Amino acid sequence: MSDTTQSGLEKALGTKEMLILSFGAMIGWGWIILAGDWINEGGPMGAIAAFIAGGIVVSIVAIIYSELASSMPLVGGEHVYSLRALGPIGSFVCTWAIIFGYVTVAAFEAVALPSAMAFIIPGFNAIPLWEVAGEPVYGTWVLVGVLGTIGVTYLNYIGIRIAAQFQIIMTVVIAFAGVVLISGAITNGQPSPDPSFGAGTAGIFAVVLMTPFMFVGFDVIPQSAEEADIPARTLGLLILLSVGLASMFYMAVIWGSSRALSGAALVDSPLPAAEAMEVLFSSTAAGQLMALAGVAGIMTSWNAFIIGGSRALFALAQSGMLPKSLAKVHPEYNTPSNAILLIGGLSVLAPFFGEQMLGWIVNAGGLGIVVAWFLVVVSFLVLRYREPEMNRPYKVPGGSVVGIVAFVLTAIFISLYLPGGQSALLWPYEWLIVLGWCILGVVLYVFSGDEPVETSEEVVNRVNTFNDD
């Protein structure tokens, strides 16, 4: 049996598990329903160019994570970096923001699963219950979403090793379907009827704005770093490799789908990538295979973000910023059991709001993600200035210059979500989700008790002790 860490968590993840955990988190469900939008907006080559640009932006942030993760390989990732650099308040804001992003992804998957079932199973939409924003909520959707949430939550509850093995199996399913799609595009596809670059710069920019939510997931590696049984430098390099693999996967899906149908035709399909597969092979079964790969994508993303979100909650609770009960480690399974149950309990609510919830939580969660990234970049710059001699097994080439570029890019992304921005959140639904999360954070912080918050010096001591071990 693997050793346990100072926190009581199990060191059970090797290089393969960490890479697939991150890669599987990024290639969730979004690609199978948004491929048509990408092609329709940017054109085949424009959409690919957008993902190259988005991948570069995310890679700049990821390379900063790589240095920080290799320097401080402790559970909680962002919490540890920001606590050392910015103190308790900055750390809480940063970590609570990334947890928000993780919870919204988990909630997204709780709605995406019944959405996939509706494509695969004729007549799945049954037992209308009520309407949300003018759209019906079906009893079958609620049932499948709730049961799926219970299943994935239980899987994480009983051990990180089992969750990682499940992640590997599901990722293999996705990769197989991707290979089949590309082979069909090569042998049976035709050049896309769409202009290569769609609506030009505006269309490409519209696709670029979608990329942060598509790439979120590489930061699951820092969250679970303390459970990794690999060298610190390798941990940092895996973050970069996982972003590169996800970029290639998305570009392959865009290219393969564009050789089956036009962007306009793909947009009209509920599952564009599955529709493309069906057309390429003239087979309903082929389309259903891709839909099943989409279900596997739902499960990998769902699984990874419960892992990441629960570890971030656990780290905050360890530092006295959240109730102590969230820092509980299960005596048999060595998992942060209460933190896992909280993530599952929050995401189980999403299916009760129906399909409309998909768009709302993607946009609201995107804001939390980029806010956390921004504060991680700030932490990087502060630590480079204040602690130049800090042990850094992996060191970012260019150092502060790269940090300044990342600072500007993440600040721009934040502005896009604010009123007047290109992706401004909608009132009331999306802003109410953000406001509700902020209120929940304040309430939990207030009820965390009077225990002292962990100081940056204590973080340094934990890092040194961990590295010595």
Protein backbone atom coordinates (compact mmCIF):
# COMPACT_ATOMS: atom_id res chain seq x y z
CA MET A 1 0.00 0.00 0.00
CA SER A 2 1.23 3.53 -0.78
CA ASP A 3 2.54 5.86 1.91
CA THR A 4 0.39 8.63 3.31
CA THR A 5 1.33 12.32 3.39
CA GLN A 6 1.56 14.61 6.40
CA SER A 7 -2.07 15.52 5.71
CA GLY A 8 -3.15 11.89 5.87
CA LEU A 9 -3.79 11.63 2.11
CA GLU A 10 -2.44 8.67 0.16
CA LYS A 11 0.54 9.05 -2.19
CA ALA A 12 -0.95 6.84 -4.88
CA LEU A 13 -0.55 8.74 -8.18
CA GLY A 14 2.28 8.08 -10.61
CA THR A 15 3.27 9.95 -13.77
CA LYS A 16 0.67 8.21 -15.94
CA GLU A 17 -2.16 8.82 -13.50
CA MET A 18 -1.31 12.51 -13.06
CA LEU A 19 -1.07 13.15 -16.81
CA ILE A 20 -4.34 11.38 -17.61
CA LEU A 21 -6.06 13.04 -14.66
CA SER A 22 -5.23 16.46 -16.10
CA PHE A 23 -5.79 15.60 -19.77
CA GLY A 24 -9.09 13.87 -19.02
CA ALA A 25 -10.23 16.88 -17.00
CA MET A 26 -9.72 19.21 -19.98
CA ILE A 27 -11.36 17.07 -22.66
CA GLY A 28 -14.74 16.80 -20.99
CA TRP A 29 -18.11 17.28 -22.68
CA GLY A 30 -17.73 20.75 -24.20
CA TRP A 31 -16.08 19.67 -27.45
CA ILE A 32 -18.88 17.33 -28.49
CA ILE A 33 -21.57 20.04 -28.23
CA LEU A 34 -19.53 23.12 -29.18
CA ALA A 35 -17.53 21.89 -32.21
CA GLY A 36 -20.25 23.21 -34.52
CA ASP A 37 -20.18 26.66 -32.90
CA TRP A 38 -16.41 26.83 -33.24
CA ILE A 39 -16.50 25.96 -36.94
CA ASN A 40 -19.50 28.17 -37.66
CA GLU A 41 -17.94 31.18 -35.92
CA GLY A 42 -14.32 30.93 -36.94
CA GLY A 43 -14.31 28.58 -39.93
CA PRO A 44 -12.27 25.35 -39.80
CA MET A 45 -8.85 26.98 -39.96
CA GLY A 46 -9.96 29.99 -37.93
CA ALA A 47 -11.25 27.76 -35.13
CA ILE A 48 -7.98 25.82 -35.15
CA ALA A 49 -6.06 29.11 -35.06
CA ALA A 50 -8.22 30.21 -32.12
CA PHE A 51 -7.30 27.08 -30.19
CA ILE A 52 -3.64 27.58 -31.01
CA ALA A 53 -3.91 31.13 -29.63
CA GLY A 54 -5.93 29.98 -26.62
CA GLY A 55 -3.51 27.14 -26.04
CA ILE A 56 -0.59 29.59 -26.04
CA VAL A 57 -2.35 31.84 -23.51
CA VAL A 58 -3.19 28.90 -21.27
CA SER A 59 0.34 27.51 -21.69
CA ILE A 60 1.79 30.78 -20.41
CA VAL A 61 -0.37 30.43 -17.30
CA ALA A 62 0.41 26.70 -17.12
CA ILE A 63 4.16 27.25 -17.22
CA ILE A 64 3.80 29.53 -14.19
CA TYR A 65 1.82 26.80 -12.44
CA SER A 66 4.63 24.40 -13.37
CA GLU A 67 7.22 26.40 -11.43
CA LEU A 68 4.97 26.91 -8.43
CA ALA A 69 3.80 23.28 -8.34
CA SER A 70 7.35 21.96 -8.48
CA SER A 71 8.41 24.40 -5.73
CA MET A 72 5.45 23.74 -3.42
CA PRO A 73 4.05 20.26 -4.17
CA LEU A 74 1.38 20.33 -1.46
CA VAL A 75 -2.33 19.65 -1.50
CA GLY A 76 -4.38 22.69 -2.48
CA GLY A 77 -2.17 24.13 -5.21
CA GLU A 78 -3.36 27.72 -5.59
CA HIS A 79 -4.05 27.99 -1.87
CA VAL A 80 -0.43 27.21 -0.97
CA TYR A 81 1.09 29.59 -3.54
CA SER A 82 -1.20 32.51 -2.78
CA LEU A 83 -0.94 32.05 1.00
CA ARG A 84 2.84 32.25 0.83
CA ALA A 85 2.75 35.27 -1.49
CA LEU A 86 -0.44 37.20 -0.67
CA GLY A 87 -1.44 36.19 2.85
CA PRO A 88 -4.75 34.78 4.15
CA ILE A 89 -7.25 37.10 2.43
CA GLY A 90 -5.62 36.86 -1.00
CA SER A 91 -5.32 33.12 -0.59
CA PHE A 92 -8.96 32.68 0.36
CA VAL A 93 -10.17 34.74 -2.62
CA CYS A 94 -7.90 32.87 -5.02
CA THR A 95 -8.77 29.39 -3.75
CA TRP A 96 -12.48 30.07 -3.37
CA ALA A 97 -12.52 31.35 -6.97
CA ILE A 98 -10.91 28.19 -8.37
CA ILE A 99 -13.22 26.01 -6.27
CA PHE A 100 -16.11 27.92 -7.86
CA GLY A 101 -14.76 27.01 -11.28
CA TYR A 102 -14.44 23.36 -10.27
CA VAL A 103 -17.93 23.19 -8.76
CA THR A 104 -19.47 24.75 -11.88
CA VAL A 105 -17.77 22.12 -14.05
CA ALA A 106 -19.07 19.35 -11.78
CA ALA A 107 -22.55 20.92 -11.97
CA PHE A 108 -22.19 21.24 -15.76
CA GLU A 109 -21.50 17.51 -16.05
CA ALA A 110 -24.53 16.70 -13.88
CA VAL A 111 -26.66 18.36 -16.59
CA ALA A 112 -24.53 17.21 -19.54
CA LEU A 113 -24.97 13.52 -18.69
CA PRO A 114 -28.76 13.50 -19.23
CA SER A 115 -28.21 15.71 -22.28
CA ALA A 116 -26.04 12.94 -23.77
CA MET A 117 -28.59 10.30 -22.84
CA ALA A 118 -31.25 12.27 -24.71
CA PHE A 119 -29.16 11.94 -27.90
CA ILE A 120 -28.45 8.24 -27.46
CA ILE A 121 -31.87 7.07 -26.21
CA PRO A 122 -34.97 7.95 -28.27
CA GLY A 123 -37.80 9.32 -26.15
CA PHE A 124 -35.51 10.01 -23.21
CA ASN A 125 -37.13 13.38 -22.47
CA ALA A 126 -40.06 12.28 -20.34
CA ILE A 127 -42.06 13.35 -17.29
CA PRO A 128 -41.97 17.16 -17.58
CA LEU A 129 -41.76 18.67 -14.10
CA TRP A 130 -41.53 22.48 -14.47
CA GLU A 131 -39.95 25.17 -16.61
CA VAL A 132 -36.81 27.23 -16.07
CA ALA A 133 -36.29 30.29 -18.30
CA GLY A 134 -39.02 28.97 -20.59
CA GLU A 135 -37.46 25.52 -21.05
CA PRO A 136 -38.94 22.30 -19.57
CA VAL A 137 -37.15 20.30 -16.90
CA TYR A 138 -37.76 16.56 -17.31
CA GLY A 139 -37.94 13.99 -14.55
CA THR A 140 -35.65 11.68 -16.53
CA TRP A 141 -32.99 14.42 -16.66
CA VAL A 142 -33.19 14.97 -12.92
CA LEU A 143 -33.02 11.24 -12.17
CA VAL A 144 -29.99 10.56 -14.37
CA GLY A 145 -28.19 13.71 -13.23
CA VAL A 146 -28.72 12.91 -9.55
CA LEU A 147 -27.73 9.23 -9.92
CA GLY A 148 -24.62 10.21 -11.91
CA THR A 149 -23.60 12.70 -9.23
CA ILE A 150 -24.04 10.11 -6.49
CA GLY A 151 -21.98 7.57 -8.46
CA VAL A 152 -19.01 9.86 -9.20
CA THR A 153 -19.04 11.28 -5.68
CA TYR A 154 -18.96 7.77 -4.20
CA LEU A 155 -16.13 6.77 -6.54
CA ASN A 156 -14.02 9.64 -5.21
CA TYR A 157 -15.08 9.01 -1.63
CA ILE A 158 -13.66 5.48 -1.58
CA GLY A 159 -10.17 6.37 -2.80
CA ILE A 160 -7.95 8.38 -5.13
CA ARG A 161 -6.46 5.20 -6.59
CA ILE A 162 -9.84 3.88 -7.77
CA ALA A 163 -10.79 7.31 -9.13
CA ALA A 164 -7.50 7.47 -11.07
CA GLN A 165 -8.01 4.00 -12.58
CA PHE A 166 -11.51 4.99 -13.65
CA GLN A 167 -10.02 8.12 -15.26
CA ILE A 168 -7.62 6.03 -17.33
CA ILE A 169 -10.37 3.75 -18.67
CA MET A 170 -12.63 6.65 -19.67
CA THR A 171 -9.77 8.55 -21.33
CA VAL A 172 -8.91 5.51 -23.45
CA VAL A 173 -12.53 5.46 -24.68
CA ILE A 174 -12.31 9.13 -25.69
CA ALA A 175 -8.97 8.67 -27.43
CA PHE A 176 -10.29 5.68 -29.40
CA ALA A 177 -13.31 7.65 -30.62
CA GLY A 178 -11.04 10.56 -31.59
CA VAL A 179 -8.84 8.24 -33.67
CA VAL A 180 -11.94 6.81 -35.39
CA LEU A 181 -13.20 10.35 -36.18
CA ILE A 182 -9.87 11.38 -37.72
CA SER A 183 -9.61 8.17 -39.76
CA GLY A 184 -13.14 8.73 -41.07
CA ALA A 185 -12.32 12.34 -41.95
CA ILE A 186 -9.25 11.20 -43.88
CA THR A 187 -10.92 8.35 -45.78
CA ASN A 188 -14.50 9.58 -46.20
CA GLY A 189 -14.45 13.32 -45.54
CA GLN A 190 -14.62 16.21 -47.96
CA PRO A 191 -13.08 19.69 -47.77
CA SER A 192 -15.29 21.96 -45.68
CA PRO A 193 -17.74 24.20 -47.58
CA ASP A 194 -17.17 26.93 -44.98
CA PRO A 195 -14.69 29.77 -45.52
CA SER A 196 -11.43 28.72 -43.92
CA PHE A 197 -11.53 31.63 -41.50
CA GLY A 198 -15.28 32.06 -41.11
CA ALA A 199 -16.30 35.57 -40.10
CA GLY A 200 -12.69 36.68 -39.94
CA THR A 201 -11.07 38.20 -36.87
CA ALA A 202 -14.37 38.63 -35.01
CA GLY A 203 -15.23 34.95 -35.46
CA ILE A 204 -11.80 33.76 -34.37
CA PHE A 205 -11.94 36.04 -31.32
CA ALA A 206 -15.36 34.61 -30.39
CA VAL A 207 -13.83 31.13 -30.33
CA VAL A 208 -10.78 32.29 -28.35
CA LEU A 209 -13.14 33.48 -25.60
CA MET A 210 -14.40 29.92 -25.16
CA THR A 211 -10.96 28.45 -24.61
CA PRO A 212 -10.43 29.11 -20.86
CA PHE A 213 -13.34 26.85 -19.94
CA MET A 214 -12.13 24.22 -22.44
CA PHE A 215 -8.63 24.14 -20.95
CA VAL A 216 -9.46 24.32 -17.27
CA GLY A 217 -8.27 21.08 -15.75
CA PHE A 218 -4.50 21.27 -15.99
CA ASP A 219 -4.62 22.90 -12.55
CA VAL A 220 -5.99 19.67 -11.08
CA ILE A 221 -2.36 18.49 -11.01
CA PRO A 222 -1.30 21.13 -8.46
CA GLN A 223 -4.42 20.45 -6.39
CA SER A 224 -3.50 16.79 -5.93
CA ALA A 225 0.30 17.28 -5.95
CA GLU A 226 0.72 15.93 -2.44
CA GLU A 227 -0.79 12.62 -3.55
CA ALA A 228 1.69 12.26 -6.42
CA ASP A 229 4.60 9.87 -5.99
CA ILE A 230 6.81 11.52 -8.63
CA PRO A 231 9.71 14.05 -8.65
CA ALA A 232 8.72 17.70 -8.22
CA ARG A 233 10.24 18.76 -11.56
CA THR A 234 8.27 16.06 -13.38
CA LEU A 235 5.11 17.41 -11.80
CA GLY A 236 5.71 20.79 -13.43
CA LEU A 237 6.48 19.32 -16.85
CA LEU A 238 3.30 17.21 -16.79
CA ILE A 239 1.20 20.37 -16.57
CA LEU A 240 2.67 21.67 -19.83
CA LEU A 241 2.39 18.29 -21.56
CA SER A 242 -1.29 17.91 -20.63
CA VAL A 243 -2.12 21.36 -22.10
CA GLY A 244 -0.33 20.43 -25.33
CA LEU A 245 -2.22 17.14 -25.63
CA ALA A 246 -5.58 18.84 -25.02
CA SER A 247 -4.79 21.47 -27.68
CA MET A 248 -4.05 18.77 -30.25
CA PHE A 249 -7.22 16.88 -29.34
CA TYR A 250 -9.44 19.95 -29.81
CA MET A 251 -7.82 20.84 -33.14
CA ALA A 252 -8.27 17.27 -34.37
CA VAL A 253 -11.98 17.31 -33.48
CA ILE A 254 -12.46 20.62 -35.30
CA TRP A 255 -10.69 19.41 -38.42
CA GLY A 256 -12.45 16.03 -38.47
CA SER A 257 -15.92 17.48 -37.89
CA SER A 258 -15.45 20.17 -40.56
CA ARG A 259 -14.85 17.48 -43.21
CA ALA A 260 -18.27 15.97 -42.51
CA LEU A 261 -20.70 18.90 -42.42
CA SER A 262 -20.77 22.68 -42.67
CA GLY A 263 -20.62 24.74 -39.53
CA ALA A 264 -24.27 25.79 -39.96
CA ALA A 265 -25.37 22.15 -40.21
CA LEU A 266 -23.30 21.16 -37.19
CA VAL A 267 -24.77 23.98 -35.09
CA ASP A 268 -28.26 22.62 -35.75
CA SER A 269 -27.30 19.26 -34.24
CA PRO A 270 -27.55 18.74 -30.46
CA LEU A 271 -24.24 16.81 -30.58
CA PRO A 272 -22.23 18.12 -33.55
CA ALA A 273 -19.20 15.82 -33.16
CA ALA A 274 -21.47 12.77 -32.97
CA GLU A 275 -23.43 14.00 -36.00
CA ALA A 276 -20.14 14.41 -37.90
CA MET A 277 -19.10 10.85 -37.04
CA GLU A 278 -22.47 9.53 -38.20
CA VAL A 279 -22.13 11.33 -41.55
CA LEU A 280 -18.51 10.29 -42.13
CA PHE A 281 -19.33 6.60 -41.70
CA SER A 282 -22.97 6.74 -42.88
CA SER A 283 -23.81 4.89 -39.68
CA THR A 284 -26.01 5.72 -36.73
CA ALA A 285 -23.90 3.36 -34.64
CA ALA A 286 -20.79 5.43 -35.39
CA GLY A 287 -22.58 8.54 -34.17
CA GLN A 288 -23.62 6.77 -31.01
CA LEU A 289 -20.00 5.66 -30.48
CA MET A 290 -18.96 9.31 -30.47
CA ALA A 291 -21.84 10.15 -28.13
CA LEU A 292 -20.56 7.44 -25.78
CA ALA A 293 -17.10 9.01 -26.01
CA GLY A 294 -18.79 12.23 -24.99
CA VAL A 295 -20.26 10.44 -21.99
CA ALA A 296 -16.74 9.23 -21.15
CA GLY A 297 -15.60 12.85 -21.42
CA ILE A 298 -18.30 13.87 -19.00
CA MET A 299 -17.08 11.27 -16.53
CA THR A 300 -13.37 12.17 -16.81
CA SER A 301 -14.03 15.85 -16.31
CA TRP A 302 -16.53 15.23 -13.53
CA ASN A 303 -14.18 12.87 -11.75
CA ALA A 304 -11.17 15.18 -12.02
CA PHE A 305 -12.95 18.28 -10.79
CA ILE A 306 -14.39 16.56 -7.76
CA ILE A 307 -10.80 15.52 -6.99
CA GLY A 308 -9.47 19.05 -7.54
CA GLY A 309 -12.31 20.90 -5.83
CA SER A 310 -12.32 18.67 -2.77
CA ARG A 311 -8.55 19.05 -2.30
CA ALA A 312 -8.82 22.82 -2.52
CA LEU A 313 -11.60 22.81 0.10
CA PHE A 314 -9.51 20.48 2.24
CA ALA A 315 -6.51 22.81 2.04
CA LEU A 316 -8.58 25.86 3.05
CA ALA A 317 -10.02 23.96 6.00
CA GLN A 318 -6.54 22.82 7.07
CA SER A 319 -5.51 26.47 7.20
CA GLY A 320 -8.48 27.42 9.35
CA MET A 321 -10.28 29.37 6.62
CA LEU A 322 -13.18 26.92 6.38
CA PRO A 323 -14.86 24.73 9.02
CA LYS A 324 -12.56 22.03 10.41
CA SER A 325 -14.98 19.31 9.34
CA LEU A 326 -13.91 19.87 5.71
CA ALA A 327 -10.34 18.91 6.64
CA LYS A 328 -11.41 15.44 7.77
CA VAL A 329 -9.55 12.54 6.17
CA HIS A 330 -11.46 9.27 5.98
CA PRO A 331 -9.72 6.74 8.27
CA GLU A 332 -10.04 3.87 5.77
CA TYR A 333 -10.00 5.52 2.33
CA ASN A 334 -7.51 8.36 3.05
CA THR A 335 -9.68 10.83 1.15
CA PRO A 336 -11.00 14.28 2.20
CA SER A 337 -14.43 12.71 2.60
CA ASN A 338 -16.47 15.69 3.82
CA ALA A 339 -15.02 18.00 1.16
CA ILE A 340 -15.95 15.44 -1.51
CA LEU A 341 -19.49 15.21 -0.14
CA LEU A 342 -19.86 19.00 -0.23
CA ILE A 343 -18.80 19.17 -3.91
CA GLY A 344 -21.22 16.35 -4.74
CA GLY A 345 -24.01 17.97 -2.75
CA LEU A 346 -23.64 21.28 -4.58
CA SER A 347 -23.46 19.76 -8.07
CA VAL A 348 -26.48 17.51 -7.48
CA LEU A 349 -28.68 20.63 -7.52
CA ALA A 350 -27.89 21.48 -11.17
CA PRO A 351 -30.17 18.90 -12.91
CA PHE A 352 -33.21 20.47 -11.21
CA PHE A 353 -32.67 23.57 -13.36
CA GLY A 354 -32.60 21.69 -16.69
CA GLU A 355 -30.59 22.30 -19.84
CA GLN A 356 -30.60 26.08 -19.41
CA MET A 357 -28.18 25.62 -16.53
CA LEU A 358 -25.44 24.51 -18.97
CA GLY A 359 -24.80 27.96 -20.43
CA TRP A 360 -25.17 29.79 -17.13
CA ILE A 361 -22.64 27.75 -15.21
CA VAL A 362 -20.09 27.73 -18.06
CA ASN A 363 -20.06 31.53 -18.12
CA ALA A 364 -20.22 32.07 -14.36
CA GLY A 365 -17.55 29.44 -13.67
CA GLY A 366 -15.29 30.92 -16.33
CA LEU A 367 -15.04 34.12 -14.27
CA GLY A 368 -13.94 32.18 -11.19
CA ILE A 369 -11.31 30.32 -13.18
CA VAL A 370 -9.65 33.40 -14.68
CA VAL A 371 -9.75 35.27 -11.35
CA ALA A 372 -7.85 32.38 -9.75
CA TRP A 373 -5.37 32.25 -12.62
CA PHE A 374 -4.79 36.00 -12.27
CA LEU A 375 -4.03 35.71 -8.56
CA VAL A 376 -1.70 32.75 -9.15
CA VAL A 377 0.23 34.89 -11.63
CA VAL A 378 0.39 37.71 -9.07
CA SER A 379 1.68 35.19 -6.52
CA PHE A 380 4.35 34.06 -8.99
CA LEU A 381 5.56 37.63 -9.52
CA VAL A 382 5.57 38.39 -5.79
CA LEU A 383 7.58 35.26 -4.97
CA ARG A 384 10.05 35.86 -7.80
CA TYR A 385 10.68 39.34 -6.36
CA ARG A 386 10.54 38.55 -2.65
CA GLU A 387 12.10 35.06 -2.58
CA PRO A 388 14.54 34.84 -5.52
CA GLU A 389 16.49 32.07 -3.77
CA MET A 390 13.47 29.81 -3.22
CA ASN A 391 14.07 26.22 -4.33
CA ARG A 392 12.53 25.86 -7.80
CA PRO A 393 13.06 22.37 -9.30
CA TYR A 394 11.45 23.65 -12.50
CA LYS A 395 12.15 27.31 -13.31
CA VAL A 396 10.25 29.31 -15.91
CA PRO A 397 12.54 30.57 -18.70
CA GLY A 398 12.24 34.34 -18.90
CA GLY A 399 10.95 34.53 -15.34
CA SER A 400 9.33 37.86 -14.58
CA VAL A 401 8.85 38.74 -18.26
CA VAL A 402 6.64 35.69 -18.72
CA GLY A 403 4.87 36.59 -15.48
CA ILE A 404 4.11 40.12 -16.69
CA VAL A 405 2.74 38.79 -19.99
CA ALA A 406 0.54 36.34 -18.08
CA PHE A 407 -0.59 39.16 -15.77
CA VAL A 408 -1.77 41.25 -18.72
CA LEU A 409 -3.46 38.33 -20.49
CA THR A 410 -5.37 37.09 -17.42
CA ALA A 411 -6.43 40.67 -16.56
CA ILE A 412 -7.83 41.04 -20.08
CA PHE A 413 -9.75 37.79 -19.72
CA ILE A 414 -11.28 38.98 -16.44
CA SER A 415 -12.43 42.23 -18.09
CA LEU A 416 -14.28 40.27 -20.76
CA TYR A 417 -16.66 38.81 -18.16
CA LEU A 418 -17.50 42.16 -16.54
CA PRO A 419 -20.32 44.50 -17.64
CA GLY A 420 -19.42 45.95 -21.03
CA GLY A 421 -17.02 43.12 -21.83
CA GLN A 422 -17.25 40.77 -24.81
CA SER A 423 -18.46 37.89 -22.62
CA ALA A 424 -20.23 39.91 -19.92
CA LEU A 425 -22.21 37.71 -17.54
CA LEU A 426 -25.98 37.88 -17.90
CA TRP A 427 -28.27 39.29 -15.28
CA PRO A 428 -29.95 37.84 -13.32
CA TYR A 429 -29.05 34.16 -13.68
CA GLU A 430 -25.27 34.17 -14.11
CA TRP A 431 -24.57 37.02 -11.71
CA LEU A 432 -26.87 35.43 -9.12
CA ILE A 433 -24.79 32.24 -9.34
CA VAL A 434 -21.62 34.29 -8.72
CA LEU A 435 -23.27 36.24 -5.90
CA GLY A 436 -24.57 33.05 -4.28
CA TRP A 437 -21.09 31.55 -4.32
CA CYS A 438 -19.60 34.67 -2.73
CA ILE A 439 -22.23 34.60 0.03
CA LEU A 440 -21.58 30.90 0.66
CA GLY A 441 -17.86 31.65 1.01
CA VAL A 442 -18.48 34.39 3.54
CA VAL A 443 -20.84 32.18 5.56
CA LEU A 444 -18.39 29.26 5.64
CA TYR A 445 -15.51 31.57 6.50
CA VAL A 446 -17.47 33.10 9.39
CA PHE A 447 -18.37 29.68 10.79
CA SER A 448 -14.83 28.36 10.47
CA GLY A 449 -14.23 29.29 14.11
CA ASP A 450 -11.42 31.18 15.76
CA GLU A 451 -8.60 28.81 14.84
CA PRO A 452 -5.50 30.70 13.64
CA VAL A 453 -4.88 30.78 9.91
CA GLU A 454 -1.69 29.08 8.72
CA THR A 455 1.07 31.62 8.18
CA SER A 456 3.36 31.84 5.18
CA GLU A 457 6.21 30.71 7.42
CA GLU A 458 4.25 27.57 8.30
CA VAL A 459 3.67 26.97 4.58
CA VAL A 460 7.44 27.22 4.03
CA ASN A 461 8.04 24.70 6.82
CA ARG A 462 5.49 22.28 5.35
CA VAL A 463 7.09 22.58 1.90
CA ASN A 464 10.57 21.95 3.31
CA THR A 465 9.37 18.98 5.37
CA PHE A 466 7.54 17.51 2.39
CA ASN A 467 10.57 17.92 0.10
CA ASP A 468 12.84 16.32 2.70
CA ASP A 469 10.49 13.33 2.86
